[in-house]
């Protein structure tokens, strides 16, 4: 069976030639912008400088517009935070398991980070337990924790609790990092705003939300279906009802918009992924948006 990064590489090589060559190349060592820069000195503003770097206190003292200069650190710390609750064993719109899509998305982030010399680690967990892997750039090590995550999610797993996992991260890590949180919309809808705010004070956050299969999914209409969270059987006649399908779609759209709006208030970008096929372009769109976001 091919490794997780190999699967990503096969799709990335084709996609990169067509659309994201500029993201994978360039002089700077990371696709992630952020705070991993040490202050060096001040100098006068020159045309073309980023206005975000203006030091207003120094400007007031000197009566000249002064710019803060930094020394960039090329290696960033990338921590993938993944939901391993049993809801991730449910199916996505593509018919794939959400766990499979989540592992693929984690592989995309790991592959891109490695390409730019960044360090990658992982934390995954649910309501009862969390597992932590330190940040490294070793390919077999990354392959191992992606495999362990994939194997950890089953229908017998504990319930999802993304707030519990993020609380563990906030207490366990002091260094500044990029947090790539992978969960589903139902879990993201329960995010604790104060917890997100505390994490945002120290870290950069991005959210990848793996969507649930709709009740009316044509791929599943001939199959028996059970709600993973409620453990309730969903009969065929119920799932094929057009009015129910329309109401569900409206509800899902409303929830997704609410989640994105809530995250944007903190300057956090997010994306919704419904299959491994669409994962790469949506993740790269999110990364490009993260470059431009105003924090």
C-alpha atoms as a PDB file:
ATOM      1  CA  UNK A   1       0.000   0.000   0.000  1.00  0.00           C
ATOM      2  CA  UNK A   2       1.509   3.388  -0.969  1.00  0.00           C
ATOM      3  CA  UNK A   3       2.348   5.827   1.828  1.00  0.00           C
ATOM      4  CA  UNK A   4       0.161   8.830   2.628  1.00  0.00           C
ATOM      5  CA  UNK A   5       2.697  11.343   1.294  1.00  0.00           C
ATOM      6  CA  UNK A   6       3.118   9.268  -1.866  1.00  0.00           C
ATOM      7  CA  UNK A   7      -0.640   9.482  -2.497  1.00  0.00           C
ATOM      8  CA  UNK A   8      -0.485  13.245  -2.072  1.00  0.00           C
ATOM      9  CA  UNK A   9       2.587  13.575  -4.283  1.00  0.00           C
ATOM     10  CA  UNK A  10       0.934  11.721  -7.169  1.00  0.00           C
ATOM     11  CA  UNK A  11      -1.974  14.185  -7.184  1.00  0.00           C
ATOM     12  CA  UNK A  12       0.109  17.241  -6.322  1.00  0.00           C
ATOM     13  CA  UNK A  13       2.568  16.798  -9.187  1.00  0.00           C
ATOM     14  CA  UNK A  14      -0.253  16.963 -11.747  1.00  0.00           C
ATOM     15  CA  UNK A  15      -2.102  19.774 -10.029  1.00  0.00           C
ATOM     16  CA  UNK A  16       0.967  21.929  -9.359  1.00  0.00           C
ATOM     17  CA  UNK A  17       1.903  22.123 -13.039  1.00  0.00           C
ATOM     18  CA  UNK A  18      -1.478  23.576 -13.883  1.00  0.00           C
ATOM     19  CA  UNK A  19      -2.363  25.952 -11.104  1.00  0.00           C
ATOM     20  CA  UNK A  20      -0.217  26.292  -7.981  1.00  0.00           C
ATOM     21  CA  UNK A  21       3.314  26.470  -9.299  1.00  0.00           C
ATOM     22  CA  UNK A  22       3.742  29.892  -7.691  1.00  0.00           C
ATOM     23  CA  UNK A  23       2.871  28.527  -4.245  1.00  0.00           C
ATOM     24  CA  UNK A  24       5.295  25.615  -4.420  1.00  0.00           C
ATOM     25  CA  UNK A  25       8.210  27.687  -5.715  1.00  0.00           C
ATOM     26  CA  UNK A  26       9.872  30.954  -4.782  1.00  0.00           C
ATOM     27  CA  UNK A  27      12.659  32.331  -2.635  1.00  0.00           C
ATOM     28  CA  UNK A  28      10.917  32.340   0.709  1.00  0.00           C
ATOM     29  CA  UNK A  29      11.076  29.116   2.683  1.00  0.00           C
ATOM     30  CA  UNK A  30       7.435  28.640   3.628  1.00  0.00           C
ATOM     31  CA  UNK A  31       3.941  29.020   2.235  1.00  0.00           C
ATOM     32  CA  UNK A  32       2.830  30.035   5.730  1.00  0.00           C
ATOM     33  CA  UNK A  33       3.091  33.662   6.778  1.00  0.00           C
ATOM     34  CA  UNK A  34       3.317  34.377  10.473  1.00  0.00           C
ATOM     35  CA  UNK A  35       5.035  35.613  13.561  1.00  0.00           C
ATOM     36  CA  UNK A  36       8.197  33.506  13.440  1.00  0.00           C
ATOM     37  CA  UNK A  37      10.323  36.622  12.844  1.00  0.00           C
ATOM     38  CA  UNK A  38      12.745  38.275  15.300  1.00  0.00           C
ATOM     39  CA  UNK A  39      12.843  42.076  15.580  1.00  0.00           C
ATOM     40  CA  UNK A  40      16.077  43.521  14.184  1.00  0.00           C
ATOM     41  CA  UNK A  41      15.957  47.333  14.012  1.00  0.00           C
ATOM     42  CA  UNK A  42      14.072  50.405  12.799  1.00  0.00           C
ATOM     43  CA  UNK A  43      14.545  52.370   9.596  1.00  0.00           C
ATOM     44  CA  UNK A  44      12.700  55.103   7.742  1.00  0.00           C
ATOM     45  CA  UNK A  45       9.753  54.151   5.555  1.00  0.00           C
ATOM     46  CA  UNK A  46      10.454  53.649   1.838  1.00  0.00           C
ATOM     47  CA  UNK A  47       7.914  53.446  -0.947  1.00  0.00           C
ATOM     48  CA  UNK A  48       6.621  49.882  -1.246  1.00  0.00           C
ATOM     49  CA  UNK A  49       7.121  48.914   2.416  1.00  0.00           C
ATOM     50  CA  UNK A  50       4.252  47.101   4.117  1.00  0.00           C
ATOM     51  CA  UNK A  51       2.251  49.608   6.171  1.00  0.00           C
ATOM     52  CA  UNK A  52       1.650  46.840   8.731  1.00  0.00           C
ATOM     53  CA  UNK A  53       5.340  47.166   9.699  1.00  0.00           C
ATOM     54  CA  UNK A  54       5.077  50.843  10.688  1.00  0.00           C
ATOM     55  CA  UNK A  55       6.067  51.427  14.312  1.00  0.00           C
ATOM     56  CA  UNK A  56       3.666  54.219  15.279  1.00  0.00           C
ATOM     57  CA  UNK A  57       5.302  54.977  18.634  1.00  0.00           C
ATOM     58  CA  UNK A  58       8.737  55.379  17.042  1.00  0.00           C
ATOM     59  CA  UNK A  59       7.131  57.441  14.268  1.00  0.00           C
ATOM     60  CA  UNK A  60       5.599  59.809  16.837  1.00  0.00           C
ATOM     61  CA  UNK A  61       8.944  60.232  18.626  1.00  0.00           C
ATOM     62  CA  UNK A  62      11.061  60.790  15.520  1.00  0.00           C
ATOM     63  CA  UNK A  63       8.478  62.676  13.403  1.00  0.00           C
ATOM     64  CA  UNK A  64       9.488  60.391  10.510  1.00  0.00           C
ATOM     65  CA  UNK A  65       7.628  57.269   9.483  1.00  0.00           C
ATOM     66  CA  UNK A  66       9.624  54.370  10.936  1.00  0.00           C
ATOM     67  CA  UNK A  67       9.450  50.721   9.847  1.00  0.00           C
ATOM     68  CA  UNK A  68      10.220  47.674  11.990  1.00  0.00           C
ATOM     69  CA  UNK A  69      12.659  45.275  10.345  1.00  0.00           C
ATOM     70  CA  UNK A  70      12.774  41.584  11.156  1.00  0.00           C
ATOM     71  CA  UNK A  71      15.045  38.603  10.716  1.00  0.00           C
ATOM     72  CA  UNK A  72      13.006  35.793   9.219  1.00  0.00           C
ATOM     73  CA  UNK A  73      13.249  32.266  10.565  1.00  0.00           C
ATOM     74  CA  UNK A  74      12.844  29.907   7.648  1.00  0.00           C
ATOM     75  CA  UNK A  75      11.619  26.893   9.615  1.00  0.00           C
ATOM     76  CA  UNK A  76       8.055  27.126  10.865  1.00  0.00           C
ATOM     77  CA  UNK A  77       6.408  24.808  13.364  1.00  0.00           C
ATOM     78  CA  UNK A  78       3.320  23.246  11.784  1.00  0.00           C
ATOM     79  CA  UNK A  79       1.033  21.306  14.124  1.00  0.00           C
ATOM     80  CA  UNK A  80      -1.818  19.313  12.598  1.00  0.00           C
ATOM     81  CA  UNK A  81      -4.662  18.992  15.104  1.00  0.00           C
ATOM     82  CA  UNK A  82      -7.106  16.293  14.004  1.00  0.00           C
ATOM     83  CA  UNK A  83     -10.429  15.085  15.349  1.00  0.00           C
ATOM     84  CA  UNK A  84     -10.317  11.315  15.972  1.00  0.00           C
ATOM     85  CA  UNK A  85     -13.863  10.979  17.325  1.00  0.00           C
ATOM     86  CA  UNK A  86     -16.225   8.391  15.887  1.00  0.00           C
ATOM     87  CA  UNK A  87     -18.025  11.027  13.791  1.00  0.00           C
ATOM     88  CA  UNK A  88     -14.912  11.048  11.569  1.00  0.00           C
ATOM     89  CA  UNK A  89     -15.635   7.415  10.698  1.00  0.00           C
ATOM     90  CA  UNK A  90     -18.847   8.517   8.985  1.00  0.00           C
ATOM     91  CA  UNK A  91     -19.106   9.038   5.243  1.00  0.00           C
ATOM     92  CA  UNK A  92     -18.443  12.228   3.269  1.00  0.00           C
ATOM     93  CA  UNK A  93     -20.420  13.329   0.160  1.00  0.00           C
ATOM     94  CA  UNK A  94     -17.936  11.467  -2.080  1.00  0.00           C
ATOM     95  CA  UNK A  95     -18.692   8.139  -0.388  1.00  0.00           C
ATOM     96  CA  UNK A  96     -15.224   8.128   1.208  1.00  0.00           C
ATOM     97  CA  UNK A  97     -14.925   8.079   4.979  1.00  0.00           C
ATOM     98  CA  UNK A  98     -14.268  11.447   6.592  1.00  0.00           C
ATOM     99  CA  UNK A  99     -11.279   9.829   8.308  1.00  0.00           C
ATOM    100  CA  UNK A 100      -9.764   9.004   4.911  1.00  0.00           C
ATOM    101  CA  UNK A 101     -10.241  12.581   3.691  1.00  0.00           C
ATOM    102  CA  UNK A 102      -8.867  14.014   6.954  1.00  0.00           C
ATOM    103  CA  UNK A 103      -5.736  11.849   6.689  1.00  0.00           C
ATOM    104  CA  UNK A 104      -5.279  12.941   3.062  1.00  0.00           C
ATOM    105  CA  UNK A 105      -5.633  16.625   4.027  1.00  0.00           C
ATOM    106  CA  UNK A 106      -3.063  16.113   6.795  1.00  0.00           C
ATOM    107  CA  UNK A 107      -0.807  14.552   4.156  1.00  0.00           C
ATOM    108  CA  UNK A 108      -1.220  17.592   1.880  1.00  0.00           C
ATOM    109  CA  UNK A 109      -0.214  19.952   4.694  1.00  0.00           C
ATOM    110  CA  UNK A 110       2.723  17.702   5.633  1.00  0.00           C
ATOM    111  CA  UNK A 111       3.926  17.442   2.027  1.00  0.00           C
ATOM    112  CA  UNK A 112       3.792  21.192   1.405  1.00  0.00           C
ATOM    113  CA  UNK A 113       5.496  21.916   4.744  1.00  0.00           C
ATOM    114  CA  UNK A 114       8.287  19.458   3.948  1.00  0.00           C
ATOM    115  CA  UNK A 115       8.778  21.055   0.521  1.00  0.00           C
ATOM    116  CA  UNK A 116       9.544  24.323   2.305  1.00  0.00           C
ATOM    117  CA  UNK A 117      11.691  22.933   5.097  1.00  0.00           C
ATOM    118  CA  UNK A 118       9.145  23.354   7.898  1.00  0.00           C
ATOM    119  CA  UNK A 119       8.753  21.068  10.912  1.00  0.00           C
ATOM    120  CA  UNK A 120       5.544  19.043  11.147  1.00  0.00           C
ATOM    121  CA  UNK A 121       3.889  17.444  14.166  1.00  0.00           C
ATOM    122  CA  UNK A 122       0.459  16.129  15.013  1.00  0.00           C
ATOM    123  CA  UNK A 123      -2.041  15.938  17.836  1.00  0.00           C
ATOM    124  CA  UNK A 124      -5.223  13.933  17.415  1.00  0.00           C
ATOM    125  CA  UNK A 125      -7.876  13.125  19.946  1.00  0.00           C
ATOM    126  CA  UNK A 126     -11.477  12.830  21.030  1.00  0.00           C
ATOM    127  CA  UNK A 127     -13.514  13.176  24.204  1.00  0.00           C
ATOM    128  CA  UNK A 128     -11.439  10.695  26.231  1.00  0.00           C
ATOM    129  CA  UNK A 129      -7.860  10.742  24.913  1.00  0.00           C
ATOM    130  CA  UNK A 130      -5.231  12.659  22.968  1.00  0.00           C
ATOM    131  CA  UNK A 131      -2.096  11.518  21.162  1.00  0.00           C
ATOM    132  CA  UNK A 132       0.860  13.797  20.526  1.00  0.00           C
ATOM    133  CA  UNK A 133       3.709  13.612  17.985  1.00  0.00           C
ATOM    134  CA  UNK A 134       6.586  16.094  18.171  1.00  0.00           C
ATOM    135  CA  UNK A 135       7.435  18.376  15.238  1.00  0.00           C
ATOM    136  CA  UNK A 136      10.053  16.930  12.883  1.00  0.00           C
ATOM    137  CA  UNK A 137      10.883  16.903   9.177  1.00  0.00           C
ATOM    138  CA  UNK A 138      11.563  13.169   8.900  1.00  0.00           C
ATOM    139  CA  UNK A 139       9.388  11.525   6.199  1.00  0.00           C
ATOM    140  CA  UNK A 140       9.049   8.043   7.813  1.00  0.00           C
ATOM    141  CA  UNK A 141       8.109   9.715  11.101  1.00  0.00           C
ATOM    142  CA  UNK A 142       5.372  11.780   9.399  1.00  0.00           C
ATOM    143  CA  UNK A 143       4.124   8.714   7.513  1.00  0.00           C
ATOM    144  CA  UNK A 144       3.908   6.888  10.825  1.00  0.00           C
ATOM    145  CA  UNK A 145       1.722   9.434  12.614  1.00  0.00           C
ATOM    146  CA  UNK A 146      -0.560   9.788   9.584  1.00  0.00           C
ATOM    147  CA  UNK A 147      -0.996   6.001   9.604  1.00  0.00           C
ATOM    148  CA  UNK A 148      -1.628   5.965  13.359  1.00  0.00           C
ATOM    149  CA  UNK A 149      -4.284   8.646  13.011  1.00  0.00           C
ATOM    150  CA  UNK A 150      -5.989   6.776  10.169  1.00  0.00           C
ATOM    151  CA  UNK A 151      -6.082   3.609  12.262  1.00  0.00           C
ATOM    152  CA  UNK A 152      -7.304   5.396  15.400  1.00  0.00           C
ATOM    153  CA  UNK A 153     -10.697   6.440  13.975  1.00  0.00           C
ATOM    154  CA  UNK A 154     -13.358   3.722  14.062  1.00  0.00           C
ATOM    155  CA  UNK A 155     -17.077   3.449  14.783  1.00  0.00           C
ATOM    156  CA  UNK A 156     -16.007   2.295  18.264  1.00  0.00           C
ATOM    157  CA  UNK A 157     -14.019   5.472  18.989  1.00  0.00           C
ATOM    158  CA  UNK A 158     -15.114   7.934  21.674  1.00  0.00           C
ATOM    159  CA  UNK A 159     -17.272  10.896  20.712  1.00  0.00           C
ATOM    160  CA  UNK A 160     -15.706  13.882  19.009  1.00  0.00           C
ATOM    161  CA  UNK A 161     -14.795  16.837  21.232  1.00  0.00           C
ATOM    162  CA  UNK A 162     -12.638  19.332  19.355  1.00  0.00           C
ATOM    163  CA  UNK A 163     -12.667  21.725  22.323  1.00  0.00           C
ATOM    164  CA  UNK A 164     -11.031  19.042  24.480  1.00  0.00           C
ATOM    165  CA  UNK A 165      -8.304  18.501  21.880  1.00  0.00           C
ATOM    166  CA  UNK A 166      -7.648  22.234  21.490  1.00  0.00           C
ATOM    167  CA  UNK A 167      -7.538  22.669  25.268  1.00  0.00           C
ATOM    168  CA  UNK A 168      -4.862  19.970  25.383  1.00  0.00           C
ATOM    169  CA  UNK A 169      -2.888  21.841  22.691  1.00  0.00           C
ATOM    170  CA  UNK A 170      -3.175  25.170  24.546  1.00  0.00           C
ATOM    171  CA  UNK A 171      -1.781  23.588  27.734  1.00  0.00           C
ATOM    172  CA  UNK A 172       0.893  21.434  26.111  1.00  0.00           C
ATOM    173  CA  UNK A 173       2.644  23.822  23.705  1.00  0.00           C
ATOM    174  CA  UNK A 174       4.335  27.102  24.526  1.00  0.00           C
ATOM    175  CA  UNK A 175       6.186  27.761  21.260  1.00  0.00           C
ATOM    176  CA  UNK A 176       4.414  29.673  18.523  1.00  0.00           C
ATOM    177  CA  UNK A 177       3.000  27.439  15.814  1.00  0.00           C
ATOM    178  CA  UNK A 178       0.678  27.186  12.869  1.00  0.00           C
ATOM    179  CA  UNK A 179      -2.285  25.077  13.939  1.00  0.00           C
ATOM    180  CA  UNK A 180      -4.067  23.266  11.117  1.00  0.00           C
ATOM    181  CA  UNK A 181      -7.276  21.992  12.726  1.00  0.00           C
ATOM    182  CA  UNK A 182      -9.054  19.170  10.872  1.00  0.00           C
ATOM    183  CA  UNK A 183     -12.553  18.301  12.026  1.00  0.00           C
ATOM    184  CA  UNK A 184     -16.118  18.339  10.682  1.00  0.00           C
ATOM    185  CA  UNK A 185     -18.770  21.100  10.664  1.00  0.00           C
ATOM    186  CA  UNK A 186     -20.819  19.563  13.477  1.00  0.00           C
ATOM    187  CA  UNK A 187     -17.786  19.706  15.790  1.00  0.00           C
ATOM    188  CA  UNK A 188     -16.686  23.130  14.551  1.00  0.00           C
ATOM    189  CA  UNK A 189     -20.159  24.477  15.372  1.00  0.00           C
ATOM    190  CA  UNK A 190     -19.430  23.741  19.059  1.00  0.00           C
ATOM    191  CA  UNK A 191     -16.113  25.648  19.183  1.00  0.00           C
ATOM    192  CA  UNK A 192     -15.539  27.563  22.413  1.00  0.00           C
ATOM    193  CA  UNK A 193     -14.988  31.207  21.400  1.00  0.00           C
ATOM    194  CA  UNK A 194     -12.822  31.980  24.450  1.00  0.00           C
ATOM    195  CA  UNK A 195     -10.619  28.974  23.709  1.00  0.00           C
ATOM    196  CA  UNK A 196     -10.214  30.026  20.063  1.00  0.00           C
ATOM    197  CA  UNK A 197      -9.358  33.554  21.221  1.00  0.00           C
ATOM    198  CA  UNK A 198      -6.703  32.288  23.656  1.00  0.00           C
ATOM    199  CA  UNK A 199      -5.092  30.114  21.001  1.00  0.00           C
ATOM    200  CA  UNK A 200      -5.191  33.010  18.532  1.00  0.00           C
ATOM    201  CA  UNK A 201      -3.178  35.189  20.895  1.00  0.00           C
ATOM    202  CA  UNK A 202      -0.170  32.882  20.498  1.00  0.00           C
ATOM    203  CA  UNK A 203      -0.672  30.819  17.351  1.00  0.00           C
ATOM    204  CA  UNK A 204      -1.921  31.071  13.776  1.00  0.00           C
ATOM    205  CA  UNK A 205      -4.978  28.874  13.149  1.00  0.00           C
ATOM    206  CA  UNK A 206      -6.532  27.434   9.996  1.00  0.00           C
ATOM    207  CA  UNK A 207      -9.493  25.059   9.840  1.00  0.00           C
ATOM    208  CA  UNK A 208     -10.133  22.246   7.365  1.00  0.00           C
ATOM    209  CA  UNK A 209     -13.713  21.028   7.760  1.00  0.00           C
ATOM    210  CA  UNK A 210     -14.568  17.628   6.274  1.00  0.00           C
ATOM    211  CA  UNK A 211     -18.204  17.633   5.259  1.00  0.00           C
ATOM    212  CA  UNK A 212     -20.788  14.976   6.143  1.00  0.00           C
ATOM    213  CA  UNK A 213     -22.635  13.045   3.494  1.00  0.00           C
ATOM    214  CA  UNK A 214     -26.143  14.471   2.976  1.00  0.00           C
ATOM    215  CA  UNK A 215     -29.110  12.204   3.647  1.00  0.00           C
ATOM    216  CA  UNK A 216     -30.063  12.338  -0.037  1.00  0.00           C
ATOM    217  CA  UNK A 217     -26.638  11.267  -1.313  1.00  0.00           C
ATOM    218  CA  UNK A 218     -27.339   9.193  -4.451  1.00  0.00           C
ATOM    219  CA  UNK A 219     -24.321   7.016  -3.709  1.00  0.00           C
ATOM    220  CA  UNK A 220     -25.941   5.814  -0.489  1.00  0.00           C
ATOM    221  CA  UNK A 221     -29.659   5.666  -1.208  1.00  0.00           C
ATOM    222  CA  UNK A 222     -29.581   1.921  -1.840  1.00  0.00           C
ATOM    223  CA  UNK A 223     -27.579   1.241   1.324  1.00  0.00           C
ATOM    224  CA  UNK A 224     -28.591   1.002   4.957  1.00  0.00           C
ATOM    225  CA  UNK A 225     -27.597   4.156   6.827  1.00  0.00           C
ATOM    226  CA  UNK A 226     -27.082   4.973  10.495  1.00  0.00           C
ATOM    227  CA  UNK A 227     -26.482   8.361  12.087  1.00  0.00           C
ATOM    228  CA  UNK A 228     -22.995   7.985  13.617  1.00  0.00           C
ATOM    229  CA  UNK A 229     -23.558  10.448  16.454  1.00  0.00           C
ATOM    230  CA  UNK A 230     -27.064   9.405  17.477  1.00  0.00           C
ATOM    231  CA  UNK A 231     -26.787   5.708  16.506  1.00  0.00           C
ATOM    232  CA  UNK A 232     -30.170   5.958  14.792  1.00  0.00           C
ATOM    233  CA  UNK A 233     -31.151   4.042  11.627  1.00  0.00           C
ATOM    234  CA  UNK A 234     -32.153   6.304   8.725  1.00  0.00           C
ATOM    235  CA  UNK A 235     -34.612   4.462   6.443  1.00  0.00           C
ATOM    236  CA  UNK A 236     -34.559   4.786   2.647  1.00  0.00           C
ATOM    237  CA  UNK A 237     -37.950   6.524   2.347  1.00  0.00           C
ATOM    238  CA  UNK A 238     -36.830   9.179   4.843  1.00  0.00           C
ATOM    239  CA  UNK A 239     -33.543   9.882   3.070  1.00  0.00           C
ATOM    240  CA  UNK A 240     -35.113  10.064  -0.399  1.00  0.00           C
ATOM    241  CA  UNK A 241     -37.781  12.618   0.567  1.00  0.00           C
ATOM    242  CA  UNK A 242     -37.204  15.810  -1.495  1.00  0.00           C
ATOM    243  CA  UNK A 243     -38.582  18.213   1.116  1.00  0.00           C
ATOM    244  CA  UNK A 244     -36.337  16.717   3.790  1.00  0.00           C
ATOM    245  CA  UNK A 245     -33.367  16.957   1.412  1.00  0.00           C
ATOM    246  CA  UNK A 246     -34.062  20.648   0.730  1.00  0.00           C
ATOM    247  CA  UNK A 247     -34.451  21.421   4.436  1.00  0.00           C
ATOM    248  CA  UNK A 248     -31.201  19.604   5.222  1.00  0.00           C
ATOM    249  CA  UNK A 249     -29.301  21.486   2.513  1.00  0.00           C
ATOM    250  CA  UNK A 250     -30.593  24.806   3.828  1.00  0.00           C
ATOM    251  CA  UNK A 251     -29.611  23.841   7.371  1.00  0.00           C
ATOM    252  CA  UNK A 252     -26.118  22.697   6.342  1.00  0.00           C
ATOM    253  CA  UNK A 253     -25.521  25.901   4.378  1.00  0.00           C
ATOM    254  CA  UNK A 254     -26.621  27.995   7.347  1.00  0.00           C
ATOM    255  CA  UNK A 255     -24.315  26.142   9.748  1.00  0.00           C
ATOM    256  CA  UNK A 256     -21.318  26.377   7.399  1.00  0.00           C
ATOM    257  CA  UNK A 257     -21.798  30.115   6.890  1.00  0.00           C
ATOM    258  CA  UNK A 258     -22.093  30.629  10.644  1.00  0.00           C
ATOM    259  CA  UNK A 259     -18.853  28.713  11.262  1.00  0.00           C
ATOM    260  CA  UNK A 260     -16.889  30.662   8.645  1.00  0.00           C
ATOM    261  CA  UNK A 261     -18.259  33.984   9.855  1.00  0.00           C
ATOM    262  CA  UNK A 262     -17.315  33.149  13.448  1.00  0.00           C
ATOM    263  CA  UNK A 263     -13.762  32.194  12.475  1.00  0.00           C
ATOM    264  CA  UNK A 264     -13.304  35.280  10.283  1.00  0.00           C
ATOM    265  CA  UNK A 265     -13.968  37.477  13.311  1.00  0.00           C
ATOM    266  CA  UNK A 266     -10.675  36.174  14.689  1.00  0.00           C
ATOM    267  CA  UNK A 267      -8.885  36.530  11.341  1.00  0.00           C
ATOM    268  CA  UNK A 268      -8.929  32.735  10.890  1.00  0.00           C
ATOM    269  CA  UNK A 269      -9.342  31.214   7.436  1.00  0.00           C
ATOM    270  CA  UNK A 270     -11.105  27.919   6.781  1.00  0.00           C
ATOM    271  CA  UNK A 271     -12.194  25.617   3.990  1.00  0.00           C
ATOM    272  CA  UNK A 272     -14.750  22.854   3.517  1.00  0.00           C
ATOM    273  CA  UNK A 273     -13.609  19.621   1.869  1.00  0.00           C
ATOM    274  CA  UNK A 274     -15.989  16.971   0.526  1.00  0.00           C
ATOM    275  CA  UNK A 275     -13.520  14.524  -1.099  1.00  0.00           C
ATOM    276  CA  UNK A 276      -9.838  13.730  -1.582  1.00  0.00           C
ATOM    277  CA  UNK A 277     -10.288  14.831  -5.210  1.00  0.00           C
ATOM    278  CA  UNK A 278     -11.162  18.393  -4.176  1.00  0.00           C
ATOM    279  CA  UNK A 279      -8.850  18.571  -1.147  1.00  0.00           C
ATOM    280  CA  UNK A 280      -5.747  19.977  -2.850  1.00  0.00           C
ATOM    281  CA  UNK A 281      -7.283  22.994  -4.655  1.00  0.00           C
ATOM    282  CA  UNK A 282      -9.364  23.928  -1.601  1.00  0.00           C
ATOM    283  CA  UNK A 283      -6.419  23.709   0.763  1.00  0.00           C
ATOM    284  CA  UNK A 284      -4.264  25.839  -1.539  1.00  0.00           C
ATOM    285  CA  UNK A 285      -7.030  28.402  -1.857  1.00  0.00           C
ATOM    286  CA  UNK A 286      -7.124  28.534   1.949  1.00  0.00           C
ATOM    287  CA  UNK A 287      -3.339  28.967   2.158  1.00  0.00           C
ATOM    288  CA  UNK A 288      -3.432  31.820  -0.348  1.00  0.00           C
ATOM    289  CA  UNK A 289      -6.235  33.461   1.633  1.00  0.00           C
ATOM    290  CA  UNK A 290      -4.194  33.042   4.819  1.00  0.00           C
ATOM    291  CA  UNK A 291      -1.396  35.069   3.227  1.00  0.00           C
ATOM    292  CA  UNK A 292      -3.754  37.999   2.688  1.00  0.00           C
ATOM    293  CA  UNK A 293      -5.861  37.862   5.831  1.00  0.00           C
ATOM    294  CA  UNK A 294      -5.724  40.917   8.085  1.00  0.00           C
ATOM    295  CA  UNK A 295      -5.262  39.862  11.674  1.00  0.00           C
END
